[in-house]
């Protein structure tokens, strides 16, 4: 096996066993199995559909669209403020920070070279 492939598998295993990834998985399962969260998520989905339909039929500045945006905002806010969702989002943020660090280590030089070429 090529050394870099072996290293990639080692990184994958380290990530799978990292407490942040394990916690995220647990919080995700708790969120997916919570009936209140499912109902709030369904309500948010309905509000997204309502907004999409309103945008198709009315102008973006219409009272219908403004009302639909407000309803979607409230539904999203209610979902995001649920304690189980808040715990999941915190765990997600911790994993996201780690993934960004890994991404910068692995691809930072490549990204910097491409950014300099575009200038």
C-alpha atoms as a PDB file:
ATOM      1  CA  UNK A   1       0.000   0.000   0.000  1.00  0.00           C
ATOM      2  CA  UNK A   2       1.321   3.451  -0.866  1.00  0.00           C
ATOM      3  CA  UNK A   3       2.397   5.494   2.177  1.00  0.00           C
ATOM      4  CA  UNK A   4      -0.047   8.343   1.581  1.00  0.00           C
ATOM      5  CA  UNK A   5      -2.961   5.917   1.253  1.00  0.00           C
ATOM      6  CA  UNK A   6      -1.947   4.285   4.528  1.00  0.00           C
ATOM      7  CA  UNK A   7      -1.812   7.723   6.143  1.00  0.00           C
ATOM      8  CA  UNK A   8      -5.276   8.544   4.800  1.00  0.00           C
ATOM      9  CA  UNK A   9      -6.677   5.372   6.365  1.00  0.00           C
ATOM     10  CA  UNK A  10      -4.941   6.200   9.640  1.00  0.00           C
ATOM     11  CA  UNK A  11      -6.486   9.682   9.588  1.00  0.00           C
ATOM     12  CA  UNK A  12      -9.915   8.175   8.889  1.00  0.00           C
ATOM     13  CA  UNK A  13      -9.537   5.799  11.832  1.00  0.00           C
ATOM     14  CA  UNK A  14      -8.364   8.590  14.127  1.00  0.00           C
ATOM     15  CA  UNK A  15     -11.338  10.690  13.126  1.00  0.00           C
ATOM     16  CA  UNK A  16     -13.803   7.845  13.673  1.00  0.00           C
ATOM     17  CA  UNK A  17     -12.421   7.324  17.174  1.00  0.00           C
ATOM     18  CA  UNK A  18     -12.173  11.000  18.071  1.00  0.00           C
ATOM     19  CA  UNK A  19     -14.471  11.967  20.940  1.00  0.00           C
ATOM     20  CA  UNK A  20     -15.844  14.933  18.936  1.00  0.00           C
ATOM     21  CA  UNK A  21     -17.015  12.714  16.082  1.00  0.00           C
ATOM     22  CA  UNK A  22     -18.451  10.161  18.492  1.00  0.00           C
ATOM     23  CA  UNK A  23     -20.328  12.880  20.380  1.00  0.00           C
ATOM     24  CA  UNK A  24     -21.647  14.345  17.126  1.00  0.00           C
ATOM     25  CA  UNK A  25     -22.958  10.941  16.082  1.00  0.00           C
ATOM     26  CA  UNK A  26     -24.695  10.495  19.431  1.00  0.00           C
ATOM     27  CA  UNK A  27     -26.260  13.970  19.269  1.00  0.00           C
ATOM     28  CA  UNK A  28     -27.394  13.367  15.708  1.00  0.00           C
ATOM     29  CA  UNK A  29     -29.136  10.126  16.695  1.00  0.00           C
ATOM     30  CA  UNK A  30     -30.790  11.844  19.663  1.00  0.00           C
ATOM     31  CA  UNK A  31     -32.002  14.617  17.401  1.00  0.00           C
ATOM     32  CA  UNK A  32     -33.294  12.228  14.731  1.00  0.00           C
ATOM     33  CA  UNK A  33     -35.212  10.206  17.332  1.00  0.00           C
ATOM     34  CA  UNK A  34     -36.807  13.158  19.125  1.00  0.00           C
ATOM     35  CA  UNK A  35     -40.472  13.572  18.181  1.00  0.00           C
ATOM     36  CA  UNK A  36     -40.551  17.272  19.076  1.00  0.00           C
ATOM     37  CA  UNK A  37     -37.552  17.915  16.833  1.00  0.00           C
ATOM     38  CA  UNK A  38     -39.128  15.905  14.015  1.00  0.00           C
ATOM     39  CA  UNK A  39     -42.324  17.958  14.288  1.00  0.00           C
ATOM     40  CA  UNK A  40     -40.401  21.245  14.344  1.00  0.00           C
ATOM     41  CA  UNK A  41     -38.316  20.134  11.382  1.00  0.00           C
ATOM     42  CA  UNK A  42     -41.430  19.138   9.447  1.00  0.00           C
ATOM     43  CA  UNK A  43     -43.015  22.505  10.220  1.00  0.00           C
ATOM     44  CA  UNK A  44     -39.886  24.286   8.983  1.00  0.00           C
ATOM     45  CA  UNK A  45     -40.001  22.219   5.776  1.00  0.00           C
ATOM     46  CA  UNK A  46     -43.626  23.267   5.248  1.00  0.00           C
ATOM     47  CA  UNK A  47     -42.677  26.929   5.715  1.00  0.00           C
ATOM     48  CA  UNK A  48     -39.842  26.539   3.178  1.00  0.00           C
ATOM     49  CA  UNK A  49     -42.288  25.096   0.663  1.00  0.00           C
ATOM     50  CA  UNK A  50     -44.758  27.886   1.391  1.00  0.00           C
ATOM     51  CA  UNK A  51     -42.038  30.498   0.786  1.00  0.00           C
ATOM     52  CA  UNK A  52     -40.948  28.805  -2.422  1.00  0.00           C
ATOM     53  CA  UNK A  53     -44.538  28.759  -3.698  1.00  0.00           C
ATOM     54  CA  UNK A  54     -45.073  32.376  -2.674  1.00  0.00           C
ATOM     55  CA  UNK A  55     -41.952  33.428  -4.565  1.00  0.00           C
ATOM     56  CA  UNK A  56     -43.228  31.643  -7.687  1.00  0.00           C
ATOM     57  CA  UNK A  57     -46.625  33.353  -7.589  1.00  0.00           C
ATOM     58  CA  UNK A  58     -45.932  36.778  -6.089  1.00  0.00           C
ATOM     59  CA  UNK A  59     -43.181  39.363  -6.288  1.00  0.00           C
ATOM     60  CA  UNK A  60     -40.323  39.080  -3.811  1.00  0.00           C
ATOM     61  CA  UNK A  61     -41.499  42.243  -2.058  1.00  0.00           C
ATOM     62  CA  UNK A  62     -45.131  41.167  -1.815  1.00  0.00           C
ATOM     63  CA  UNK A  63     -46.897  40.885   1.547  1.00  0.00           C
ATOM     64  CA  UNK A  64     -47.336  37.138   0.953  1.00  0.00           C
ATOM     65  CA  UNK A  65     -43.600  36.595   0.506  1.00  0.00           C
ATOM     66  CA  UNK A  66     -42.752  38.811   3.455  1.00  0.00           C
ATOM     67  CA  UNK A  67     -45.160  36.833   5.622  1.00  0.00           C
ATOM     68  CA  UNK A  68     -43.751  33.527   4.330  1.00  0.00           C
ATOM     69  CA  UNK A  69     -40.179  34.670   5.097  1.00  0.00           C
ATOM     70  CA  UNK A  70     -41.182  35.671   8.615  1.00  0.00           C
ATOM     71  CA  UNK A  71     -42.935  32.343   9.202  1.00  0.00           C
ATOM     72  CA  UNK A  72     -39.881  30.448   7.933  1.00  0.00           C
ATOM     73  CA  UNK A  73     -37.599  32.525  10.149  1.00  0.00           C
ATOM     74  CA  UNK A  74     -39.754  31.789  13.199  1.00  0.00           C
ATOM     75  CA  UNK A  75     -39.950  28.077  12.394  1.00  0.00           C
ATOM     76  CA  UNK A  76     -36.167  27.898  11.914  1.00  0.00           C
ATOM     77  CA  UNK A  77     -35.557  29.810  15.108  1.00  0.00           C
ATOM     78  CA  UNK A  78     -37.877  27.508  17.050  1.00  0.00           C
ATOM     79  CA  UNK A  79     -36.150  24.418  15.654  1.00  0.00           C
ATOM     80  CA  UNK A  80     -32.657  25.765  16.311  1.00  0.00           C
ATOM     81  CA  UNK A  81     -33.537  26.753  19.871  1.00  0.00           C
ATOM     82  CA  UNK A  82     -34.719  23.272  20.857  1.00  0.00           C
ATOM     83  CA  UNK A  83     -32.270  21.906  23.483  1.00  0.00           C
ATOM     84  CA  UNK A  84     -31.554  18.687  21.553  1.00  0.00           C
ATOM     85  CA  UNK A  85     -30.836  20.640  18.362  1.00  0.00           C
ATOM     86  CA  UNK A  86     -28.663  23.128  20.255  1.00  0.00           C
ATOM     87  CA  UNK A  87     -26.568  20.248  21.615  1.00  0.00           C
ATOM     88  CA  UNK A  88     -26.213  18.821  18.111  1.00  0.00           C
ATOM     89  CA  UNK A  89     -25.226  22.194  16.637  1.00  0.00           C
ATOM     90  CA  UNK A  90     -22.565  22.685  19.326  1.00  0.00           C
ATOM     91  CA  UNK A  91     -21.113  19.226  18.634  1.00  0.00           C
ATOM     92  CA  UNK A  92     -21.262  19.955  14.887  1.00  0.00           C
ATOM     93  CA  UNK A  93     -19.380  23.220  15.358  1.00  0.00           C
ATOM     94  CA  UNK A  94     -16.611  21.436  17.278  1.00  0.00           C
ATOM     95  CA  UNK A  95     -16.228  18.890  14.461  1.00  0.00           C
ATOM     96  CA  UNK A  96     -16.358  21.632  11.837  1.00  0.00           C
ATOM     97  CA  UNK A  97     -13.449  23.444  13.508  1.00  0.00           C
ATOM     98  CA  UNK A  98     -11.392  20.253  13.468  1.00  0.00           C
ATOM     99  CA  UNK A  99     -12.260  19.528   9.826  1.00  0.00           C
ATOM    100  CA  UNK A 100     -11.289  23.063   8.817  1.00  0.00           C
ATOM    101  CA  UNK A 101      -7.933  22.621  10.552  1.00  0.00           C
ATOM    102  CA  UNK A 102      -7.353  19.313   8.748  1.00  0.00           C
ATOM    103  CA  UNK A 103      -8.409  20.888   5.447  1.00  0.00           C
ATOM    104  CA  UNK A 104      -5.978  23.764   5.927  1.00  0.00           C
ATOM    105  CA  UNK A 105      -3.140  21.389   6.773  1.00  0.00           C
ATOM    106  CA  UNK A 106      -3.813  19.121   3.803  1.00  0.00           C
ATOM    107  CA  UNK A 107      -4.797  21.665   1.168  1.00  0.00           C
ATOM    108  CA  UNK A 108      -3.723  25.086   2.421  1.00  0.00           C
ATOM    109  CA  UNK A 109      -0.669  25.253   0.158  1.00  0.00           C
ATOM    110  CA  UNK A 110      -2.701  24.246  -2.893  1.00  0.00           C
ATOM    111  CA  UNK A 111      -5.417  26.777  -2.125  1.00  0.00           C
ATOM    112  CA  UNK A 112      -2.863  29.558  -1.600  1.00  0.00           C
ATOM    113  CA  UNK A 113      -1.178  28.788  -4.932  1.00  0.00           C
ATOM    114  CA  UNK A 114      -4.534  28.865  -6.754  1.00  0.00           C
ATOM    115  CA  UNK A 115      -5.516  32.143  -5.084  1.00  0.00           C
ATOM    116  CA  UNK A 116      -2.229  33.735  -6.172  1.00  0.00           C
ATOM    117  CA  UNK A 117      -2.783  32.585  -9.776  1.00  0.00           C
ATOM    118  CA  UNK A 118      -6.234  34.193  -9.888  1.00  0.00           C
ATOM    119  CA  UNK A 119      -4.896  37.600  -8.913  1.00  0.00           C
END
